[in-house]
Protein backbone atom coordinates (compact mmCIF):
# COMPACT_ATOMS: atom_id res chain seq x y z
CA UNK A 1 -104.01 -228.23 35.95
CA UNK A 2 -103.05 -225.01 37.67
CA UNK A 3 -105.50 -222.12 37.82
CA UNK A 4 -104.31 -218.54 38.27
CA UNK A 5 -105.16 -214.85 37.90
CA UNK A 6 -103.83 -211.44 38.89
CA UNK A 7 -104.66 -210.37 42.43
CA UNK A 8 -105.68 -206.82 41.50
CA UNK A 9 -107.52 -207.94 38.34
CA UNK A 10 -109.10 -211.41 38.68
CA UNK A 11 -110.31 -211.31 35.07
CA UNK A 12 -106.69 -211.17 33.83
CA UNK A 13 -104.36 -214.16 33.53
CA UNK A 14 -101.28 -211.96 33.31
CA UNK A 15 -98.39 -213.16 31.14
CA UNK A 16 -98.19 -216.94 31.39
CA UNK A 17 -96.97 -219.42 28.79
CA UNK A 18 -97.88 -223.11 29.09
CA UNK A 19 -96.19 -226.20 27.69
CA UNK A 20 -98.89 -228.85 27.87
CA UNK A 21 -96.47 -231.66 27.03
CA UNK A 22 -94.14 -230.98 29.95
CA UNK A 23 -96.90 -229.44 32.11
CA UNK A 24 -94.77 -226.35 32.64
CA UNK A 25 -96.17 -222.90 33.46
CA UNK A 26 -93.95 -219.81 33.01
CA UNK A 27 -95.16 -216.78 34.95
CA UNK A 28 -93.59 -213.59 33.62
CA UNK A 29 -93.78 -210.03 34.90
CA UNK A 30 -97.38 -208.98 34.17
CA UNK A 31 -97.25 -205.17 34.35
CA UNK A 32 -96.14 -202.23 32.21
CA UNK A 33 -94.61 -200.35 35.15
CA UNK A 34 -91.35 -201.83 36.45
CA UNK A 35 -92.11 -200.60 39.99
CA UNK A 36 -95.90 -200.83 40.40
CA UNK A 37 -97.43 -204.25 39.87
CA UNK A 38 -99.42 -207.02 41.57
CA UNK A 39 -99.15 -210.68 42.52
CA UNK A 40 -100.36 -213.79 40.75
CA UNK A 41 -102.90 -215.84 42.71
CA UNK A 42 -102.27 -219.51 41.96
CA UNK A 43 -104.44 -222.46 43.00
CA UNK A 44 -102.51 -225.70 43.34
CA UNK A 45 -104.04 -229.17 43.55
CA UNK A 46 -102.35 -232.03 45.42
CA UNK A 47 -99.30 -233.20 43.52
CA UNK A 48 -95.55 -233.08 43.09
CA UNK A 49 -94.23 -229.78 41.74
CA UNK A 50 -90.95 -228.19 40.76
CA UNK A 51 -90.62 -224.45 41.41
CA UNK A 52 -87.95 -222.36 39.67
CA UNK A 53 -87.53 -218.68 40.51
CA UNK A 54 -85.41 -215.93 38.95
CA UNK A 55 -84.87 -212.61 40.72
CA UNK A 56 -84.78 -209.34 38.74
CA UNK A 57 -81.61 -207.50 37.80
CA UNK A 58 -80.49 -204.16 39.22
CA UNK A 59 -80.53 -200.96 37.21
CA UNK A 60 -77.61 -200.14 34.92
CA UNK A 61 -76.92 -198.33 31.68
CA UNK A 62 -77.92 -200.17 28.50
CA UNK A 63 -76.17 -203.54 28.04
CA UNK A 64 -74.25 -203.24 31.29
CA UNK A 65 -75.77 -206.08 33.33
CA UNK A 66 -73.39 -209.00 33.80
CA UNK A 67 -73.43 -212.64 34.76
CA UNK A 68 -72.13 -213.26 38.30
CA UNK A 69 -68.58 -211.97 38.62
CA UNK A 70 -66.14 -212.73 41.42
CA UNK A 71 -63.73 -210.33 43.10
CA UNK A 72 -61.04 -211.10 40.51
CA UNK A 73 -63.26 -209.93 37.66
CA UNK A 74 -63.94 -213.43 36.33
CA UNK A 75 -67.46 -214.58 35.47
CA UNK A 76 -68.65 -217.85 36.95
CA UNK A 77 -71.84 -219.92 36.72
CA UNK A 78 -71.83 -219.89 32.90
CA UNK A 79 -72.88 -223.55 32.88
CA UNK A 80 -75.66 -222.91 35.41
CA UNK A 81 -76.97 -220.04 33.31
CA UNK A 82 -77.07 -222.33 30.28
CA UNK A 83 -78.64 -225.29 32.10
CA UNK A 84 -81.29 -223.42 34.06
CA UNK A 85 -82.44 -220.79 31.60
CA UNK A 86 -80.43 -217.78 32.73
CA UNK A 87 -80.01 -215.05 30.12
CA UNK A 88 -77.25 -212.91 31.64
CA UNK A 89 -73.94 -212.82 29.77
CA UNK A 90 -70.44 -212.08 31.00
CA UNK A 91 -69.56 -208.41 30.57
CA UNK A 92 -66.14 -207.42 31.89
CA UNK A 93 -66.91 -203.72 31.86
CA UNK A 94 -67.30 -200.98 34.44
CA UNK A 95 -70.47 -200.06 36.32
CA UNK A 96 -72.34 -203.31 35.86
CA UNK A 97 -75.81 -203.95 37.20
CA UNK A 98 -76.18 -207.05 39.34
CA UNK A 99 -78.03 -209.93 37.68
CA UNK A 100 -80.86 -211.69 39.51
CA UNK A 101 -80.44 -215.06 41.17
CA UNK A 102 -81.91 -218.50 40.49
CA UNK A 103 -83.31 -221.01 42.95
CA UNK A 104 -85.32 -224.19 42.48
CA UNK A 105 -86.81 -226.96 44.57
CA UNK A 106 -89.31 -229.81 44.49
CA UNK A 107 -92.29 -229.97 46.81
CA UNK A 108 -95.10 -232.47 47.39
CA UNK A 109 -98.38 -230.71 48.13
CA UNK A 110 -100.88 -232.92 49.95
CA UNK A 111 -103.99 -230.76 49.79
CA UNK A 112 -105.32 -227.87 47.75
CA UNK A 113 -103.66 -224.58 48.61
CA UNK A 114 -103.61 -221.01 47.37
CA UNK A 115 -100.24 -219.52 46.53
CA UNK A 116 -99.26 -215.94 45.76
CA UNK A 117 -96.35 -215.11 43.47
CA UNK A 118 -94.38 -211.87 43.31
CA UNK A 119 -92.43 -211.55 40.07
CA UNK A 120 -89.57 -209.13 40.61
CA UNK A 121 -89.44 -205.94 38.55
CA UNK A 122 -86.06 -204.94 37.15
CA UNK A 123 -84.35 -201.83 38.46
CA UNK A 124 -83.74 -198.97 36.05
CA UNK A 125 -80.95 -196.42 35.55
CA UNK A 126 -81.67 -192.75 35.01
CA UNK A 127 -80.90 -189.23 36.18
CA UNK A 128 -83.29 -186.33 35.59
CA UNK A 129 -82.84 -183.67 38.29
CA UNK A 130 -80.23 -180.90 38.47
CA UNK A 131 -79.55 -180.26 42.14
CA UNK A 132 -76.81 -179.88 44.73
CA UNK A 133 -77.09 -182.65 47.36
CA UNK A 134 -80.10 -181.26 49.18
CA UNK A 135 -82.17 -183.17 51.72
CA UNK A 136 -85.03 -183.03 49.23
CA UNK A 137 -82.95 -185.04 46.73
CA UNK A 138 -83.59 -188.07 48.92
CA UNK A 139 -87.32 -187.63 49.30
CA UNK A 140 -89.00 -190.65 47.69
CA UNK A 141 -90.94 -188.40 45.31
CA UNK A 142 -87.64 -187.23 43.79
CA UNK A 143 -85.87 -190.60 43.51
CA UNK A 144 -85.68 -193.49 41.03
CA UNK A 145 -88.12 -196.16 42.20
CA UNK A 146 -86.89 -199.65 42.93
CA UNK A 147 -88.06 -202.70 41.02
CA UNK A 148 -91.36 -204.24 42.12
CA UNK A 149 -90.85 -206.68 44.94
CA UNK A 150 -88.84 -204.50 47.31
CA UNK A 151 -85.96 -203.15 45.23
CA UNK A 152 -84.12 -200.18 46.74
CA UNK A 153 -84.56 -196.70 45.26
CA UNK A 154 -81.71 -194.72 43.70
CA UNK A 155 -80.63 -191.08 43.80
CA UNK A 156 -81.87 -189.05 40.84
CA UNK A 157 -79.86 -185.82 40.82
CA UNK A 158 -76.65 -184.42 39.31
CA UNK A 159 -74.41 -181.39 39.72
CA UNK A 160 -74.08 -180.79 35.99
CA UNK A 161 -74.98 -182.70 32.81
CA UNK A 162 -72.62 -185.53 31.92
CA UNK A 163 -72.05 -189.16 32.84
CA UNK A 164 -74.40 -189.13 35.80
CA UNK A 165 -77.10 -191.38 37.18
CA UNK A 166 -77.63 -194.45 39.32
CA UNK A 167 -79.58 -197.69 39.10
CA UNK A 168 -82.34 -198.82 41.41
CA UNK A 169 -82.40 -202.31 42.89
CA UNK A 170 -84.05 -205.35 41.34
CA UNK A 171 -87.06 -206.92 43.03
CA UNK A 172 -87.25 -210.38 44.54
CA UNK A 173 -89.29 -213.15 42.96
CA UNK A 174 -91.10 -214.99 45.74
CA UNK A 175 -93.85 -217.53 46.35
CA UNK A 176 -96.07 -217.27 49.40
CA UNK A 177 -98.42 -220.00 50.63
CA UNK A 178 -101.83 -219.26 52.20
CA UNK A 179 -101.28 -215.51 52.73
CA UNK A 180 -99.69 -212.75 50.69
CA UNK A 181 -97.11 -211.34 53.07
CA UNK A 182 -93.39 -211.55 53.76
CA UNK A 183 -93.75 -214.03 56.62
CA UNK A 184 -95.52 -216.62 54.43
CA UNK A 185 -92.77 -216.85 51.80
CA UNK A 186 -91.62 -220.41 51.12
CA UNK A 187 -89.12 -219.85 48.29
CA UNK A 188 -87.38 -216.62 47.23
CA UNK A 189 -84.86 -215.59 44.58
CA UNK A 190 -82.89 -212.42 45.23
CA UNK A 191 -82.70 -209.36 42.99
CA UNK A 192 -79.50 -207.67 41.82
CA UNK A 193 -78.05 -204.40 43.06
CA UNK A 194 -78.02 -201.15 41.09
CA UNK A 195 -74.90 -199.63 39.53
CA UNK A 196 -73.14 -196.29 39.47
CA UNK A 197 -73.27 -193.78 36.58
CA UNK A 198 -72.78 -194.48 32.89
CA UNK A 199 -68.98 -194.55 32.56
CA UNK A 200 -66.74 -191.92 31.09
CA UNK A 201 -64.37 -193.09 28.34
CA UNK A 202 -61.36 -193.02 30.65
CA UNK A 203 -62.94 -195.30 33.26
CA UNK A 204 -61.15 -198.68 33.48
CA UNK A 205 -62.61 -202.08 34.31
CA UNK A 206 -62.16 -202.65 38.05
CA UNK A 207 -60.57 -199.22 38.35
CA UNK A 208 -61.55 -195.81 39.70
CA UNK A 209 -65.27 -195.01 39.41
CA UNK A 210 -66.17 -198.66 38.69
CA UNK A 211 -69.21 -198.82 40.95
CA UNK A 212 -70.90 -202.08 39.99
CA UNK A 213 -73.90 -203.64 41.70
CA UNK A 214 -73.72 -207.01 43.39
CA UNK A 215 -75.43 -210.10 42.04
CA UNK A 216 -78.71 -211.16 43.57
CA UNK A 217 -79.26 -214.66 44.85
CA UNK A 218 -77.29 -217.25 46.74
CA UNK A 219 -77.97 -217.96 50.40
CA UNK A 220 -75.37 -215.27 51.02
CA UNK A 221 -75.75 -212.54 48.42
CA UNK A 222 -72.99 -210.45 46.91
CA UNK A 223 -71.87 -207.08 48.22
CA UNK A 224 -70.98 -204.14 45.94
CA UNK A 225 -68.03 -202.61 44.14
CA UNK A 226 -66.49 -199.24 45.03
CA UNK A 227 -63.82 -197.97 42.64
CA UNK A 228 -63.42 -201.47 41.23
CA UNK A 229 -63.02 -203.27 44.56
CA UNK A 230 -65.63 -205.75 45.80
CA UNK A 231 -66.84 -204.89 49.30
CA UNK A 232 -68.19 -207.88 51.22
CA UNK A 233 -68.58 -206.52 54.75
CA UNK A 234 -72.26 -205.66 54.20
CA UNK A 235 -74.14 -208.59 52.65
CA UNK A 236 -77.56 -210.20 52.96
CA UNK A 237 -77.96 -213.83 54.01
CA UNK A 238 -80.60 -216.08 55.63
CA UNK A 239 -80.79 -214.23 58.96
CA UNK A 240 -79.43 -210.78 58.24
CA UNK A 241 -79.52 -207.97 55.72
CA UNK A 242 -80.84 -204.47 55.31
CA UNK A 243 -84.39 -205.66 55.95
CA UNK A 244 -86.57 -208.75 55.76
CA UNK A 245 -87.90 -208.54 52.20
CA UNK A 246 -86.65 -205.08 51.13
CA UNK A 247 -83.47 -203.73 49.59
CA UNK A 248 -81.99 -200.48 50.88
CA UNK A 249 -82.60 -197.16 49.17
CA UNK A 250 -79.91 -194.51 48.72
CA UNK A 251 -79.63 -192.03 51.58
CA UNK A 252 -77.91 -188.66 51.90
CA UNK A 253 -76.06 -189.38 55.14
CA UNK A 254 -75.61 -193.15 55.16
CA UNK A 255 -77.70 -196.10 56.27
CA UNK A 256 -80.47 -195.96 58.85
CA UNK A 257 -79.78 -199.60 59.64
CA UNK A 258 -77.17 -199.93 62.40
CA UNK A 259 -75.34 -202.61 60.38
CA UNK A 260 -75.29 -200.65 57.13
CA UNK A 261 -72.78 -198.22 55.64
CA UNK A 262 -72.98 -195.38 58.13
CA UNK A 263 -71.26 -192.61 56.19
CA UNK A 264 -72.19 -191.50 52.69
CA UNK A 265 -69.41 -190.43 50.33
CA UNK A 266 -69.11 -188.72 46.95
CA UNK A 267 -72.69 -187.46 47.10
CA UNK A 268 -74.51 -188.08 43.77
CA UNK A 269 -74.89 -191.30 41.70
CA UNK A 270 -75.97 -193.47 44.62
CA UNK A 271 -77.80 -196.66 43.59
CA UNK A 272 -80.37 -198.84 45.37
CA UNK A 273 -79.88 -202.45 46.44
CA UNK A 274 -81.63 -205.66 45.44
CA UNK A 275 -84.45 -207.25 47.37
CA UNK A 276 -84.66 -210.83 48.58
CA UNK A 277 -85.35 -213.01 51.61
CA UNK A 278 -83.24 -210.29 53.18
CA UNK A 279 -82.55 -207.26 51.02
CA UNK A 280 -79.05 -206.06 50.26
CA UNK A 281 -77.26 -203.02 51.64
CA UNK A 282 -76.69 -199.82 49.66
CA UNK A 283 -73.13 -198.63 49.13
CA UNK A 284 -74.00 -194.93 49.72
CA UNK A 285 -71.04 -193.94 47.56
CA UNK A 286 -70.93 -191.84 44.41
CA UNK A 287 -68.34 -194.20 42.88
CA UNK A 288 -69.97 -197.38 44.14
CA UNK A 289 -72.76 -199.85 43.52
CA UNK A 290 -75.21 -201.52 45.90
CA UNK A 291 -75.61 -205.11 47.05
CA UNK A 292 -77.87 -207.94 45.94
CA UNK A 293 -80.64 -209.61 47.92
CA UNK A 294 -80.41 -213.17 49.23
CA UNK A 295 -82.30 -216.25 48.07
CA UNK A 296 -83.96 -218.69 50.47
CA UNK A 297 -86.17 -221.77 50.51
CA UNK A 298 -88.07 -223.63 53.19
CA UNK A 299 -86.30 -226.99 53.47
CA UNK A 300 -85.63 -229.41 56.31
CA UNK A 301 -82.32 -227.62 56.93
CA UNK A 302 -83.58 -224.08 56.37
CA UNK A 303 -82.14 -221.34 58.57
CA UNK A 304 -85.10 -219.36 59.91
CA UNK A 305 -84.73 -216.19 61.99
CA UNK A 306 -86.05 -216.87 65.51
CA UNK A 307 -88.93 -215.06 67.19
CA UNK A 308 -90.76 -212.16 65.66
CA UNK A 309 -89.13 -210.85 62.50
CA UNK A 310 -89.28 -207.07 62.06
CA UNK A 311 -89.68 -205.93 58.47
CA UNK A 312 -88.95 -202.44 57.15
CA UNK A 313 -89.53 -200.87 53.75
CA UNK A 314 -86.67 -199.66 51.56
CA UNK A 315 -86.42 -196.42 53.55
CA UNK A 316 -86.36 -198.26 56.88
CA UNK A 317 -89.89 -197.43 57.89
CA UNK A 318 -91.35 -200.34 59.93
CA UNK A 319 -94.08 -202.30 58.13
CA UNK A 320 -94.73 -205.23 60.46
CA UNK A 321 -93.41 -207.74 62.95
CA UNK A 322 -94.43 -211.41 63.03
CA UNK A 323 -92.89 -214.84 63.50
CA UNK A 324 -92.25 -216.91 60.40
CA UNK A 325 -95.47 -218.70 59.44
CA UNK A 326 -94.23 -222.24 58.82
CA UNK A 327 -91.97 -223.06 61.73
CA UNK A 328 -93.26 -226.64 61.69
CA UNK A 329 -91.94 -227.03 58.14
CA UNK A 330 -95.35 -227.93 56.73
CA UNK A 331 -94.23 -227.08 53.20
CA UNK A 332 -90.67 -228.22 52.66
CA UNK A 333 -88.76 -228.31 49.41
CA UNK A 334 -86.09 -230.82 48.43
CA UNK A 335 -83.50 -231.13 45.65
CA UNK A 336 -82.54 -227.48 46.08
CA UNK A 337 -80.39 -225.68 43.54
CA UNK A 338 -79.30 -222.06 43.94
CA UNK A 339 -77.08 -219.86 41.78
CA UNK A 340 -76.47 -216.10 42.02
CA UNK A 341 -76.47 -213.64 39.17
CA UNK A 342 -77.80 -215.41 36.06
CA UNK A 343 -80.94 -213.37 35.15
CA UNK A 344 -81.11 -210.03 33.32
CA UNK A 345 -84.40 -208.13 33.24
CA UNK A 346 -87.60 -208.82 35.13
CA UNK A 347 -87.89 -211.93 37.24
CA UNK A 348 -89.71 -215.14 36.35
CA UNK A 349 -91.44 -218.07 38.06
CA UNK A 350 -91.65 -221.53 36.47
CA UNK A 351 -93.89 -224.24 37.92
CA UNK A 352 -93.73 -227.76 36.50
CA UNK A 353 -96.21 -230.47 37.48
CA UNK A 354 -94.11 -233.59 38.03
CA UNK A 355 -96.87 -235.86 39.29
CA UNK A 356 -100.58 -235.26 39.81
CA UNK A 357 -101.68 -237.01 42.99
CA UNK A 358 -105.35 -236.80 42.07
CA UNK A 359 -104.74 -238.45 38.70
CA UNK A 360 -102.60 -241.11 40.34
CA UNK A 361 -105.36 -241.84 42.86
CA UNK A 362 -107.92 -242.12 40.08
CA UNK A 363 -105.69 -244.56 38.19
CA UNK A 364 -105.26 -246.70 41.29
CA UNK A 365 -109.03 -246.73 41.78
CA UNK A 366 -109.57 -247.76 38.14
CA UNK A 367 -107.02 -250.55 38.51
CA UNK A 368 -108.74 -251.71 41.70
CA UNK A 369 -112.14 -251.73 39.96
CA UNK A 370 -110.72 -253.65 36.99
CA UNK A 371 -109.14 -256.28 39.24
CA UNK A 372 -112.39 -256.67 41.18
CA UNK A 373 -114.37 -257.22 37.98
CA UNK A 374 -111.80 -259.73 36.70
CA UNK A 375 -112.00 -261.68 39.95
CA UNK A 376 -115.82 -261.65 39.76
CA UNK A 377 -115.75 -263.05 36.19
CA UNK A 378 -113.32 -265.81 37.18
CA UNK A 379 -115.51 -266.83 40.12
CA UNK A 380 -118.65 -266.90 37.93
CA UNK A 381 -116.92 -269.10 35.34
CA UNK A 382 -115.87 -271.55 38.03
């Protein structure tokens, strides 16, 4: 058995469905707000478990999130989406939101531990403020919030009514062991990047004003599209990205990160990027999308940033600096599978109990007791 509750409301179990036959627990996004939520607290007994994580998708206009698409405009990972429960479909259209990634692994837990699970909130697409590219347009209070779990925020202003707007970034889905912070994450699935405005009728697929968001997930996440061209010079991976655990928010004058897009162009309709192990970079372009966040898992071959890892929020305000918690690889996963861009909507965590060590130990003890009694009876009869 797995016991669980919401961190900010211990009396609530959140939104969890259980298959008692397969011993599978599906943890879905538990909150009404896409941007303000809480973690699951999960108590795990010794045993063998499979973890499956889906990141959230980036914001886009209705029915404009697509399965992972390569630079040629072709969708891939259709089979992976089918096999592993992805729900994103291929949409060869303009201004697509990036779908969230998938990652899974198997871990043997030797003693009782407490885990914390962030389920990524999906980014949204909107535009509500008439303005003229003022500094105040990029104050957080005036922007479109990113999805829960570190998604980047989007611009929320327009020159005049029309096909305006931008999508915020999708949040990461992550599991932390022992403590609820970024440095105790053991498995992460990246969120997708937000998209440009709802398209005008004359906009062509992979043409001018096709500003699609990059897919979340993969150990190297996807970049973003500007005017129909995939830009891959600013991407998140296992050691690098906008920030450790946060996607980048739109900015008026370009990125505050020295490795980000330094010059903003085309002013309005600037989306936010997806979160992940490292969050993606924003495109800072009115005809562009923003990048997805990377996936990651603690395995024997995991690439871990050395020393103290500085984390920033989506606006590049510092939030902490610590070394990674499990440098001795105390909790390693095996049989890793990772695919980018197969989840639309909020994220999800699935935990399956493959073998219960406690039950196995009890069965061995019962067998030992039975054999002892049988031997005793044989000796008495002789």
